[in-house]
Amino acid sequence: MGRGTTELVDLLVLLGMGAVIPLGLALIDEPGLARLRRLWPLAAVPGALSLWLPRGALATGSATLYALGTLAIAAHAPLRLARTRSLAPAEIAVLTALATPSVAGLALVAERSGHELFGFDLDILALTVPHFHYAGFTAALVAGLVCRAVPDSRAARWAALSVPAGTLLVLAGYFVDDWAELAGAAVLTTGMWLVGLLTWRDLRTRGGADCRDRTTPALLGVSAAVLAATMLLALWWALGEASGLPHPTLGWMAATHGVGNALGFALCSLLAWRRLAPIPQENPR
């Protein structure tokens, strides 16, 4: 990646670390996450610092502190599964959201140390970090929230299943080939388009009625509309990588797909859900 693309990707990662993760954690009704959210700067600050340090021991140490924070989030996935004993679609999406930041944390440590983990070059590892903040954590969480909000919708249940499945298939495609990654992108895109459709059709007007303002439906509308374009770009890129057909460069994808998903989808949707949903409170005992 060129220097400009690297700096843009780093800014997207900073947004994920500093805003997207804590906003999302506030929407998950899981014991212990409120405390973890309060302590999150202890992971996010060194994680952010690692992006601006040259590769080496200091950057790796800072990235490791961030990775430990993501592992603390991931530890709540088996705890939640043991507590709820549920594999309903919405629960699968939430469990995926809890687990996937740890993939970003691991990739960050490898990239900052200059280690080509599993043979992946450093550019791919660098791009894996934002991917699992947005396509992993945020997309799965929002799909789960949509499924809960529209519980009788078959499309919502499919979205809550296909977003986690697509994310994991894309990850598996890294180890298999570009065609497997394309299949994952297709499943993920289908799920995200369903999330966008349900948000636009069923939740946007409801949000306005519940909150008695124009901001919430506007945020929901933006988050839904953006997905139509950004996920089409993802399909185009994956198809081009697999088939050799002309497709956008990584720099162009970061500036369009990446920025659109980070600002238009992730930030807008989480801010909207923050306005719609009560923040889970930690038991003071």
Foldseek 3Di string as FASTA:
>chain_A
DDPVLLVLLLVLLLCLQPPLVLLLLLLDQAAPSVVLSVVSCQLSVLCSVLSVDAQDDSSLVSLLSNLVSLVVLLVRLVVVCVVPVDPQLLNVLQNQLSNQLNLLSVLSNCLSNLHCPVVNHSVVSSNSNSCSSQLGNQQSNLLSVLCVVVVVDPLSSLLSNQSSQLSVQLVVCVVPHLVSNLVSLVSNLSSLLSSLVCLLPPPLVVLCVVLVDNLLSVLSNQQSVLSVPLSVLVNQVSVCRRPVDDHDDSSVNCVRNVVSSSPRHSVSSSVSVPSVDDGHDHDPD
